[in-house]
Amino acid sequence: MPLGDVEQLVMLALLRLGDAGFGAAVQREIAERAGRDVTLGAVYTALARLEEKGYVRSRVGDPLPQRGGRRRRHYDVLPAGRVAITEAWRAMRALSRGLSAQLDG
């Protein structure tokens, strides 16, 4: 299944974050690295779609005192997700090859 734009950003952020991949951290990572303002709602919508597609798995972490004892939901990229983001990455590289003068200009 193809990945949407926000889904690609979320997947790449999750890969960068590793075990620290949770909603707000993903949102910050996208803002800092991609310069994109993605709402937390859009991040969680993308995470839910990615989980339905079998590309990520969620797990509930330990209770955190700074969250009033609430648990944080973490997300891990599954092998099928790695394949999907790799295919999207390759397609983007192939399409953009040779366009640097037009894109930088």
N, C-alpha and C. Protein backbone atom coordinates (compact mmCIF):
# COMPACT_ATOMS: atom_id res chain seq x y z
N MET A 1 0.84 -1.19 0.00
CA MET A 1 0.00 0.00 0.00
C MET A 1 0.88 1.25 0.00
N PRO A 2 0.57 2.19 -0.86
CA PRO A 2 1.39 3.41 -0.89
C PRO A 2 1.23 4.23 0.39
N LEU A 3 2.26 5.01 0.67
CA LEU A 3 2.25 5.88 1.84
C LEU A 3 1.91 7.30 1.43
N GLY A 4 1.05 7.95 2.22
CA GLY A 4 0.75 9.36 2.01
C GLY A 4 1.91 10.22 2.51
N ASP A 5 1.86 11.49 2.20
CA ASP A 5 2.91 12.44 2.56
C ASP A 5 3.17 12.47 4.06
N VAL A 6 2.12 12.64 4.85
CA VAL A 6 2.30 12.70 6.31
C VAL A 6 2.73 11.34 6.85
N GLU A 7 2.22 10.27 6.27
CA GLU A 7 2.64 8.92 6.69
C GLU A 7 4.14 8.74 6.47
N GLN A 8 4.65 9.23 5.34
CA GLN A 8 6.09 9.13 5.09
C GLN A 8 6.88 9.91 6.13
N LEU A 9 6.45 11.12 6.42
CA LEU A 9 7.13 11.93 7.44
C LEU A 9 7.12 11.23 8.80
N VAL A 10 5.98 10.68 9.16
CA VAL A 10 5.84 9.99 10.45
C VAL A 10 6.76 8.77 10.49
N MET A 11 6.79 7.99 9.42
CA MET A 11 7.65 6.80 9.39
C MET A 11 9.12 7.19 9.53
N LEU A 12 9.55 8.22 8.80
CA LEU A 12 10.95 8.65 8.88
C LEU A 12 11.28 9.16 10.28
N ALA A 13 10.35 9.90 10.89
CA ALA A 13 10.57 10.39 12.26
C ALA A 13 10.68 9.22 13.23
N LEU A 14 9.81 8.22 13.08
CA LEU A 14 9.87 7.05 13.96
C LEU A 14 11.21 6.33 13.82
N LEU A 15 11.70 6.19 12.61
CA LEU A 15 12.99 5.53 12.42
C LEU A 15 14.11 6.32 13.10
N ARG A 16 14.05 7.64 13.04
CA ARG A 16 15.06 8.47 13.70
C ARG A 16 14.97 8.37 15.23
N LEU A 17 13.75 8.32 15.74
CA LEU A 17 13.54 8.35 17.19
C LEU A 17 13.79 7.00 17.86
N GLY A 18 13.66 5.92 17.13
CA GLY A 18 13.85 4.59 17.72
C GLY A 18 12.86 4.33 18.84
N ASP A 19 13.35 3.92 20.01
CA ASP A 19 12.48 3.58 21.15
C ASP A 19 11.74 4.79 21.71
N ALA A 20 12.16 5.99 21.35
CA ALA A 20 11.53 7.20 21.88
C ALA A 20 10.39 7.69 20.99
N GLY A 21 9.87 6.83 20.12
CA GLY A 21 8.84 7.24 19.17
C GLY A 21 7.45 7.26 19.76
N PHE A 22 6.98 8.43 20.15
CA PHE A 22 5.59 8.62 20.59
C PHE A 22 5.07 9.88 19.91
N GLY A 23 3.77 10.09 19.94
CA GLY A 23 3.12 11.13 19.16
C GLY A 23 3.77 12.51 19.19
N ALA A 24 3.93 13.09 20.38
CA ALA A 24 4.47 14.44 20.48
C ALA A 24 5.93 14.50 20.01
N ALA A 25 6.70 13.45 20.28
CA ALA A 25 8.09 13.41 19.82
C ALA A 25 8.16 13.34 18.30
N VAL A 26 7.26 12.59 17.69
CA VAL A 26 7.19 12.51 16.23
C VAL A 26 6.86 13.89 15.66
N GLN A 27 5.90 14.56 16.25
CA GLN A 27 5.51 15.90 15.80
C GLN A 27 6.70 16.86 15.87
N ARG A 28 7.44 16.85 16.97
CA ARG A 28 8.62 17.71 17.14
C ARG A 28 9.70 17.37 16.11
N GLU A 29 9.93 16.09 15.92
CA GLU A 29 10.97 15.64 14.97
C GLU A 29 10.66 16.14 13.56
N ILE A 30 9.41 16.05 13.16
CA ILE A 30 9.00 16.52 11.83
C ILE A 30 9.19 18.03 11.73
N ALA A 31 8.80 18.75 12.76
CA ALA A 31 8.94 20.21 12.75
C ALA A 31 10.41 20.62 12.68
N GLU A 32 11.25 19.99 13.49
CA GLU A 32 12.66 20.36 13.56
C GLU A 32 13.43 19.95 12.31
N ARG A 33 13.19 18.77 11.81
CA ARG A 33 14.00 18.25 10.70
C ARG A 33 13.44 18.59 9.33
N ALA A 34 12.11 18.59 9.21
CA ALA A 34 11.50 18.82 7.90
C ALA A 34 10.94 20.24 7.77
N GLY A 35 10.88 20.96 8.88
CA GLY A 35 10.32 22.31 8.84
C GLY A 35 8.83 22.33 8.52
N ARG A 36 8.15 21.25 8.85
CA ARG A 36 6.72 21.15 8.57
C ARG A 36 5.94 21.21 9.87
N ASP A 37 4.90 22.02 9.89
CA ASP A 37 4.02 22.10 11.06
C ASP A 37 2.87 21.12 10.84
N VAL A 38 2.98 19.97 11.46
CA VAL A 38 1.95 18.94 11.37
C VAL A 38 1.26 18.89 12.72
N THR A 39 -0.06 18.94 12.72
CA THR A 39 -0.79 18.91 13.99
C THR A 39 -0.63 17.55 14.65
N LEU A 40 -0.80 17.54 15.97
CA LEU A 40 -0.73 16.28 16.70
C LEU A 40 -1.84 15.34 16.23
N GLY A 41 -3.00 15.90 15.91
CA GLY A 41 -4.10 15.09 15.38
C GLY A 41 -3.73 14.40 14.08
N ALA A 42 -3.03 15.11 13.20
CA ALA A 42 -2.59 14.52 11.93
C ALA A 42 -1.56 13.42 12.17
N VAL A 43 -0.69 13.62 13.16
CA VAL A 43 0.30 12.59 13.50
C VAL A 43 -0.41 11.33 13.99
N TYR A 44 -1.36 11.49 14.91
CA TYR A 44 -2.06 10.31 15.44
C TYR A 44 -2.93 9.64 14.39
N THR A 45 -3.51 10.41 13.48
CA THR A 45 -4.28 9.82 12.38
C THR A 45 -3.36 8.98 11.50
N ALA A 46 -2.19 9.52 11.17
CA ALA A 46 -1.22 8.78 10.36
C ALA A 46 -0.74 7.53 11.08
N LEU A 47 -0.48 7.65 12.38
CA LEU A 47 -0.04 6.48 13.16
C LEU A 47 -1.10 5.39 13.16
N ALA A 48 -2.36 5.77 13.30
CA ALA A 48 -3.46 4.79 13.28
C ALA A 48 -3.54 4.10 11.92
N ARG A 49 -3.41 4.87 10.84
CA ARG A 49 -3.45 4.28 9.49
C ARG A 49 -2.26 3.35 9.28
N LEU A 50 -1.08 3.77 9.74
CA LEU A 50 0.11 2.93 9.59
C LEU A 50 -0.02 1.63 10.38
N GLU A 51 -0.66 1.72 11.54
CA GLU A 51 -0.87 0.51 12.34
C GLU A 51 -1.87 -0.42 11.64
N GLU A 52 -2.93 0.14 11.06
CA GLU A 52 -3.91 -0.66 10.31
C GLU A 52 -3.26 -1.35 9.11
N LYS A 53 -2.31 -0.68 8.47
CA LYS A 53 -1.63 -1.25 7.31
C LYS A 53 -0.59 -2.30 7.70
N GLY A 54 -0.29 -2.39 9.00
CA GLY A 54 0.71 -3.34 9.46
C GLY A 54 2.13 -2.83 9.34
N TYR A 55 2.30 -1.51 9.27
CA TYR A 55 3.62 -0.92 9.12
C TYR A 55 4.25 -0.51 10.45
N VAL A 56 3.43 -0.25 11.46
CA VAL A 56 3.93 0.07 12.80
C VAL A 56 3.11 -0.71 13.83
N ARG A 57 3.70 -0.84 15.00
CA ARG A 57 3.01 -1.48 16.13
C ARG A 57 3.12 -0.53 17.30
N SER A 58 2.04 -0.41 18.05
CA SER A 58 2.07 0.45 19.24
C SER A 58 2.20 -0.41 20.49
N ARG A 59 2.77 0.19 21.50
CA ARG A 59 2.91 -0.47 22.81
C ARG A 59 2.78 0.62 23.87
N VAL A 60 2.31 0.22 25.02
CA VAL A 60 2.12 1.18 26.11
C VAL A 60 3.32 1.09 27.04
N GLY A 61 3.91 2.24 27.32
CA GLY A 61 5.08 2.29 28.19
C GLY A 61 4.71 2.31 29.66
N ASP A 62 5.72 2.44 30.48
CA ASP A 62 5.53 2.50 31.93
C ASP A 62 4.87 3.81 32.33
N PRO A 63 4.19 3.82 33.48
CA PRO A 63 3.61 5.08 33.98
C PRO A 63 4.71 6.10 34.24
N LEU A 64 4.42 7.35 33.92
CA LEU A 64 5.41 8.42 34.11
C LEU A 64 4.91 9.41 35.15
N PRO A 65 5.72 9.68 36.19
CA PRO A 65 5.31 10.62 37.22
C PRO A 65 5.01 12.01 36.65
N GLN A 66 5.80 12.45 35.66
CA GLN A 66 5.59 13.78 35.08
C GLN A 66 4.30 13.85 34.27
N ARG A 67 3.69 12.71 34.00
CA ARG A 67 2.40 12.66 33.30
C ARG A 67 1.29 12.25 34.26
N GLY A 68 1.53 12.44 35.55
CA GLY A 68 0.51 12.10 36.55
C GLY A 68 0.25 10.61 36.62
N GLY A 69 1.27 9.81 36.33
CA GLY A 69 1.13 8.35 36.37
C GLY A 69 0.55 7.75 35.10
N ARG A 70 0.25 8.61 34.12
CA ARG A 70 -0.30 8.08 32.86
C ARG A 70 0.82 7.45 32.03
N ARG A 71 0.40 6.53 31.19
CA ARG A 71 1.35 5.84 30.32
C ARG A 71 1.41 6.53 28.96
N ARG A 72 2.53 6.39 28.30
CA ARG A 72 2.73 6.95 26.97
C ARG A 72 2.70 5.80 25.96
N ARG A 73 2.03 6.01 24.83
CA ARG A 73 1.98 5.00 23.77
C ARG A 73 3.17 5.22 22.83
N HIS A 74 3.98 4.19 22.67
CA HIS A 74 5.15 4.23 21.79
C HIS A 74 4.86 3.44 20.52
N TYR A 75 5.56 3.78 19.45
CA TYR A 75 5.35 3.13 18.16
C TYR A 75 6.68 2.61 17.62
N ASP A 76 6.64 1.40 17.08
CA ASP A 76 7.81 0.77 16.48
C ASP A 76 7.51 0.48 15.01
N VAL A 77 8.50 0.70 14.15
CA VAL A 77 8.36 0.39 12.73
C VAL A 77 8.59 -1.10 12.55
N LEU A 78 7.65 -1.76 11.88
CA LEU A 78 7.73 -3.19 11.61
C LEU A 78 8.46 -3.43 10.28
N PRO A 79 8.91 -4.66 10.02
CA PRO A 79 9.60 -4.94 8.75
C PRO A 79 8.81 -4.50 7.51
N ALA A 80 7.52 -4.71 7.49
CA ALA A 80 6.71 -4.28 6.34
C ALA A 80 6.74 -2.76 6.19
N GLY A 81 6.82 -2.05 7.30
CA GLY A 81 6.93 -0.59 7.27
C GLY A 81 8.26 -0.14 6.70
N ARG A 82 9.33 -0.86 7.06
CA ARG A 82 10.65 -0.53 6.51
C ARG A 82 10.67 -0.72 4.99
N VAL A 83 10.02 -1.79 4.54
CA VAL A 83 9.93 -2.03 3.09
C VAL A 83 9.16 -0.90 2.43
N ALA A 84 8.03 -0.51 3.00
CA ALA A 84 7.18 0.54 2.41
C ALA A 84 7.91 1.88 2.34
N ILE A 85 8.59 2.26 3.41
CA ILE A 85 9.27 3.56 3.39
C ILE A 85 10.49 3.52 2.48
N THR A 86 11.14 2.37 2.38
CA THR A 86 12.27 2.22 1.46
C THR A 86 11.80 2.36 0.02
N GLU A 87 10.67 1.75 -0.31
CA GLU A 87 10.12 1.87 -1.67
C GLU A 87 9.73 3.32 -1.98
N ALA A 88 9.12 4.00 -1.03
CA ALA A 88 8.75 5.40 -1.22
C ALA A 88 10.00 6.27 -1.40
N TRP A 89 11.02 5.99 -0.62
CA TRP A 89 12.29 6.73 -0.69
C TRP A 89 12.94 6.54 -2.06
N ARG A 90 12.98 5.29 -2.53
CA ARG A 90 13.58 4.99 -3.83
C ARG A 90 12.82 5.67 -4.96
N ALA A 91 11.50 5.65 -4.89
CA ALA A 91 10.69 6.29 -5.93
C ALA A 91 10.96 7.79 -5.97
N MET A 92 11.04 8.43 -4.80
CA MET A 92 11.30 9.87 -4.75
C MET A 92 12.69 10.18 -5.29
N ARG A 93 13.68 9.38 -4.94
CA ARG A 93 15.03 9.60 -5.45
C ARG A 93 15.08 9.44 -6.96
N ALA A 94 14.40 8.41 -7.48
CA ALA A 94 14.40 8.17 -8.93
C ALA A 94 13.72 9.32 -9.67
N LEU A 95 12.60 9.80 -9.14
CA LEU A 95 11.88 10.89 -9.79
C LEU A 95 12.64 12.22 -9.74
N SER A 96 13.39 12.44 -8.67
CA SER A 96 14.07 13.72 -8.49
C SER A 96 15.47 13.74 -9.09
N ARG A 97 15.99 12.59 -9.49
CA ARG A 97 17.34 12.52 -10.06
C ARG A 97 17.43 13.44 -11.28
N GLY A 98 18.43 14.28 -11.30
CA GLY A 98 18.65 15.18 -12.43
C GLY A 98 17.87 16.48 -12.37
N LEU A 99 17.14 16.71 -11.30
CA LEU A 99 16.32 17.92 -11.19
C LEU A 99 16.92 18.97 -10.26
N SER A 100 18.14 18.78 -9.81
CA SER A 100 18.70 19.69 -8.80
C SER A 100 18.72 21.14 -9.29
N ALA A 101 19.03 21.37 -10.56
CA ALA A 101 19.06 22.75 -11.07
C ALA A 101 17.67 23.38 -11.02
N GLN A 102 16.65 22.61 -11.33
CA GLN A 102 15.29 23.13 -11.31
C GLN A 102 14.76 23.29 -9.89
N LEU A 103 15.15 22.40 -9.00
CA LEU A 103 14.65 22.46 -7.63
C LEU A 103 15.40 23.49 -6.79
N ASP A 104 16.68 23.69 -7.07
CA ASP A 104 17.48 24.65 -6.31
C ASP A 104 17.32 26.07 -6.82
N GLY A 105 16.88 26.22 -8.06
CA GLY A 105 16.84 27.51 -8.73
C GLY A 105 15.80 28.41 -8.25
